[in-house]
Protein backbone atom coordinates (compact mmCIF):
# COMPACT_ATOMS: atom_id res chain seq x y z
CA MET A 1 60.52 37.79 76.43
CA MET A 2 58.46 40.76 77.65
CA ASN A 3 60.92 43.20 76.03
CA VAL A 4 60.61 41.32 72.74
CA ARG A 5 56.80 41.59 72.85
CA ILE A 6 56.95 45.28 73.62
CA ALA A 7 59.41 45.83 70.77
CA SER A 8 57.16 43.87 68.39
CA ILE A 9 54.09 45.87 69.36
CA THR A 10 56.02 49.13 69.00
CA LEU A 11 57.22 48.09 65.54
CA ILE A 12 53.66 47.26 64.46
CA LEU A 13 52.38 50.63 65.67
CA LEU A 14 55.22 52.50 64.00
CA THR A 15 54.66 50.60 60.75
CA ALA A 16 50.95 51.48 60.83
CA GLY A 17 51.83 55.13 61.44
CA VAL A 18 54.26 55.17 58.53
CA HIS A 19 51.59 53.57 56.29
CA LEU A 20 49.06 56.27 57.21
CA GLN A 21 51.53 59.06 56.55
CA ALA A 22 52.71 57.48 53.29
CA GLN A 23 49.28 57.81 51.71
CA THR A 24 48.84 60.81 49.43
CA ALA A 25 45.59 62.72 49.03
CA ASP A 26 45.06 61.25 45.56
CA GLU A 27 45.66 57.71 46.84
CA VAL A 28 43.09 58.15 49.60
CA ILE A 29 40.62 59.71 47.18
CA ALA A 30 41.05 56.90 44.65
CA LYS A 31 40.32 54.27 47.30
CA HIS A 32 37.35 56.27 48.56
CA ILE A 33 35.88 56.50 45.06
CA ASP A 34 36.33 52.76 44.53
CA ALA A 35 34.62 52.07 47.87
CA MET A 36 31.62 54.18 46.87
CA GLY A 37 30.99 52.27 43.64
CA GLY A 38 33.76 53.38 41.29
CA LYS A 39 34.53 56.46 39.23
CA ASP A 40 32.40 55.52 36.21
CA LYS A 41 29.31 55.02 38.32
CA LEU A 42 29.79 58.19 40.32
CA GLN A 43 30.38 60.24 37.17
CA ALA A 44 27.04 58.95 35.88
CA LEU A 45 25.08 60.30 38.85
CA ARG A 46 22.66 62.97 37.65
CA SER A 47 20.20 63.15 40.53
CA LEU A 48 19.64 61.77 44.00
CA TYR A 49 16.46 61.80 46.09
CA MET A 50 16.35 60.68 49.73
CA GLU A 51 13.72 60.42 52.43
CA GLY A 52 14.74 60.06 56.06
CA VAL A 53 13.16 59.94 59.50
CA ALA A 54 14.50 60.68 62.97
CA VAL A 55 12.89 60.45 66.40
CA MET A 56 13.94 62.94 69.06
CA ALA A 57 14.31 62.02 72.74
CA ASN A 58 10.91 63.62 73.46
CA GLY A 59 9.25 61.44 70.81
CA THR A 60 8.98 64.13 68.13
CA GLU A 61 9.35 62.63 64.65
CA ILE A 62 11.31 64.59 62.08
CA ASP A 63 10.92 63.76 58.40
CA THR A 64 13.32 64.93 55.72
CA LYS A 65 13.23 64.96 51.94
CA THR A 66 16.37 65.83 49.99
CA TRP A 67 16.96 66.42 46.28
CA LYS A 68 20.39 66.76 44.66
CA VAL A 69 20.50 67.52 40.94
CA LYS A 70 23.95 67.93 39.43
CA ASP A 71 24.89 71.58 38.84
CA LYS A 72 21.23 72.63 39.15
CA LEU A 73 19.59 72.16 42.52
CA TYR A 74 19.87 71.25 46.17
CA ARG A 75 16.60 71.19 48.11
CA GLN A 76 15.83 69.89 51.57
CA GLU A 77 12.46 69.83 53.33
CA ILE A 78 12.36 69.18 57.07
CA SER A 79 9.02 68.54 58.76
CA PHE A 80 8.68 68.37 62.55
CA GLY A 81 6.28 69.22 65.37
CA MET A 82 6.31 73.00 65.12
CA GLY A 83 6.30 73.27 61.32
CA ASN A 84 8.50 72.95 58.26
CA VAL A 85 11.90 74.20 57.14
CA VAL A 86 12.72 74.33 53.42
CA ILE A 87 16.20 75.01 52.03
CA ILE A 88 16.72 75.71 48.32
CA ALA A 89 20.08 76.31 46.64
CA THR A 90 20.73 76.84 42.93
CA PRO A 91 23.93 77.88 41.16
CA THR A 92 23.02 81.54 41.61
CA LYS A 93 20.44 81.93 44.38
CA GLY A 94 19.16 80.36 47.56
CA TRP A 95 16.16 80.64 49.85
CA SER A 96 15.01 79.21 53.15
CA SER A 97 11.78 79.16 55.11
CA ASN A 98 11.39 78.87 58.85
CA PRO A 99 8.27 78.32 61.02
CA ARG A 100 9.50 81.10 63.31
CA ASN A 101 8.65 83.64 60.62
CA GLY A 102 5.41 82.00 59.59
CA GLY A 103 7.00 79.80 56.96
CA ALA A 104 7.77 82.72 54.65
CA PHE A 105 10.78 82.35 52.36
CA ALA A 106 13.78 84.64 52.68
CA PRO A 107 16.94 84.92 50.57
CA MET A 108 19.71 82.72 51.88
CA PRO A 109 22.74 84.62 53.24
CA ASP A 110 25.82 84.41 51.01
CA GLU A 111 27.78 82.19 53.40
CA ALA A 112 24.88 79.79 53.82
CA LEU A 113 24.44 79.62 50.04
CA LYS A 114 28.15 78.89 49.54
CA ALA A 115 27.87 76.10 52.11
CA ALA A 116 24.82 74.58 50.43
CA GLN A 117 25.91 74.77 46.78
CA PRO A 118 28.40 71.84 46.92
CA GLN A 119 25.44 69.69 47.97
CA MET A 120 24.09 70.00 44.42
CA ASP A 121 26.69 67.44 43.35
CA PRO A 122 25.32 63.92 44.03
CA SER A 123 28.72 62.37 43.26
CA GLY A 124 30.40 64.20 46.15
CA PRO A 125 33.40 66.55 46.28
CA PHE A 126 36.16 64.09 45.32
CA VAL A 127 35.14 62.77 41.89
CA ASP A 128 37.05 64.87 39.29
CA TYR A 129 37.77 67.31 42.11
CA ALA A 130 40.44 69.30 40.23
CA ALA A 131 38.19 69.79 37.18
CA LYS A 132 35.48 71.10 39.52
CA GLY A 133 37.91 73.63 40.96
CA ASN A 134 38.12 71.93 44.35
CA LYS A 135 41.44 71.94 46.17
CA VAL A 136 42.24 69.00 48.47
CA GLU A 137 44.82 68.87 51.26
CA LEU A 138 45.63 65.72 53.25
CA GLN A 139 46.06 66.80 56.87
CA GLY A 140 47.22 63.51 58.35
CA ALA A 141 45.05 61.22 60.47
CA ASP A 142 42.60 61.69 63.32
CA THR A 143 40.05 59.70 65.30
CA VAL A 144 36.28 60.28 65.20
CA SER A 145 33.00 58.45 65.81
CA GLY A 146 33.97 56.29 68.75
CA GLY A 147 37.69 56.11 68.08
CA LYS A 148 37.67 55.24 64.38
CA LYS A 149 40.94 56.09 62.66
CA CYS A 150 40.42 58.38 59.70
CA TYR A 151 42.36 60.27 57.06
CA LYS A 152 41.64 63.97 57.36
CA LEU A 153 41.14 65.78 54.04
CA LYS A 154 40.36 69.48 53.79
CA VAL A 155 38.47 70.53 50.65
CA THR A 156 38.38 74.16 49.56
CA PHE A 157 35.58 74.81 47.07
CA PRO A 158 35.76 77.51 44.37
CA SER A 159 33.48 79.68 46.52
CA GLY A 160 36.09 79.65 49.29
CA GLN A 161 34.00 77.36 51.49
CA GLU A 162 36.17 74.88 53.42
CA VAL A 163 34.96 71.48 54.57
CA THR A 164 37.01 68.78 56.29
CA TYR A 165 36.20 65.15 55.52
CA TYR A 166 37.24 62.23 57.72
CA ILE A 167 37.70 59.07 55.62
CA ASP A 168 37.87 55.74 57.46
CA VAL A 169 41.29 54.11 57.03
CA GLN A 170 39.69 50.66 56.80
CA THR A 171 36.54 51.15 54.70
CA TYR A 172 37.43 54.44 52.95
CA TYR A 173 33.90 55.66 53.63
CA ILE A 174 33.35 59.21 54.92
CA ASP A 175 32.70 58.97 58.67
CA ARG A 176 32.36 62.71 59.22
CA GLU A 177 32.30 66.05 57.48
CA SER A 178 33.01 69.20 59.42
CA ARG A 179 32.73 72.90 58.63
CA LYS A 180 32.73 76.20 60.48
CA GLY A 181 29.73 78.45 60.85
CA GLY A 182 27.16 76.01 62.17
CA SER A 183 24.52 74.47 59.94
CA MET A 184 24.22 75.45 56.30
CA MET A 185 20.52 76.08 56.82
CA GLY A 186 19.48 79.60 55.98
CA GLY A 187 17.02 79.96 58.84
CA GLY A 188 18.19 80.47 62.38
CA GLY A 189 17.93 84.14 63.19
CA GLY A 190 21.61 84.84 62.65
CA ARG A 191 22.46 83.47 66.10
CA ARG A 192 25.02 80.91 64.98
CA ASP A 193 28.65 81.42 65.91
CA PRO A 194 30.49 81.81 62.55
CA ASN A 195 33.50 80.03 64.06
CA ALA A 196 31.58 77.17 65.67
CA PRO A 197 32.18 73.74 64.12
CA PHE A 198 29.28 71.85 62.60
CA ASN A 199 29.77 68.12 62.19
CA ILE A 200 27.76 65.53 60.28
CA ASP A 201 28.46 61.86 61.01
CA PHE A 202 27.62 59.07 58.56
CA GLY A 203 27.19 55.36 59.14
CA ASP A 204 25.57 52.07 58.11
CA TYR A 205 26.86 52.22 54.55
CA GLN A 206 25.03 49.86 52.20
CA LYS A 207 25.25 49.00 48.52
CA THR A 208 22.25 49.73 46.30
CA PRO A 209 21.03 47.33 43.59
CA GLU A 210 22.70 49.65 41.07
CA GLY A 211 26.09 49.16 42.73
CA TYR A 212 26.36 52.53 44.51
CA VAL A 213 27.25 52.77 48.20
CA PHE A 214 25.50 55.30 50.44
CA PRO A 215 25.20 55.90 54.19
CA ASN A 216 21.89 54.87 55.72
CA THR A 217 22.27 56.82 58.95
CA ILE A 218 23.16 60.49 59.39
CA ILE A 219 23.66 62.47 62.60
CA ALA A 220 23.91 66.24 62.24
CA GLY A 221 25.71 68.13 65.02
CA GLY A 222 23.37 69.68 67.60
CA PHE A 223 20.44 67.80 66.10
CA GLY A 224 20.37 65.17 68.80
CA ALA A 225 18.89 62.31 66.78
CA LYS A 226 19.95 59.79 64.16
CA THR A 227 18.28 60.11 60.76
CA SER A 228 17.61 56.78 59.07
CA ILE A 229 17.32 56.84 55.28
CA GLU A 230 14.12 55.03 54.28
CA LYS A 231 13.98 55.82 50.57
CA LEU A 232 16.67 56.41 47.97
CA GLU A 233 16.12 57.12 44.27
CA ILE A 234 19.00 57.43 41.81
CA ASN A 235 18.91 59.25 38.47
CA LYS A 236 15.13 59.69 38.51
CA ASP A 237 13.62 62.66 36.65
CA VAL A 238 13.28 65.76 38.84
CA ASP A 239 11.14 68.83 38.12
CA VAL A 240 13.98 71.28 38.72
CA ASP A 241 12.02 74.37 37.65
CA LYS A 242 9.26 73.67 40.16
CA LEU A 243 11.49 72.66 43.08
CA SER A 244 13.82 75.63 42.53
CA LYS A 245 11.04 78.12 43.26
CA PRO A 246 10.34 79.24 46.83
CA GLY A 247 6.76 78.50 47.84
CA ASN A 248 6.53 75.21 45.94
């Protein structure tokens, strides 16, 4: 009887492994897109605005504001105890400010700009990925975020930037994105290891009244605190000209 149970369990595990391997990249992507609200909805995303808050272990509160405007702008403002950090990326240029240099803006290094530019797309990297020039490779399965089983998809953007996404095999939500080179922030004094991984974990996915699905918690590697999204605006008008200029 014990041998029969062991054989049954082994068969179940093998069947699950075959199922994971049998998925193609396009099949995983299609299920991911459906889970996030569907292709039609995601194609209709023009802009996204988010406000989040995190509390560090020492009690410091960190507030973030993020704008994503399709093919035009990515901007993030981070406010914390010692000052503010602002990151701006456009299709051609990028800037960042840092309290360590008095809050003055400086041009974003090329690699940091390449890392930030895909963030201009509020629909994410997988919707119409081939038309955008993105290349996707399914690299099997892996476990992240407390043992969750995920499909591992590497995306190579037209700029050459590579990002690996871990898509939950049950929910088809993105549990993690990972890249090399540390954070995409422009500030940092050039001390980041260009080969060091930088992970961002996502959780608490919820559906909006409009039918979109977005994560409500974000943990950036090395940040040490969970950011909770407190405000989300979809397809609202954004003053791109103003927000694209350093100093504003």
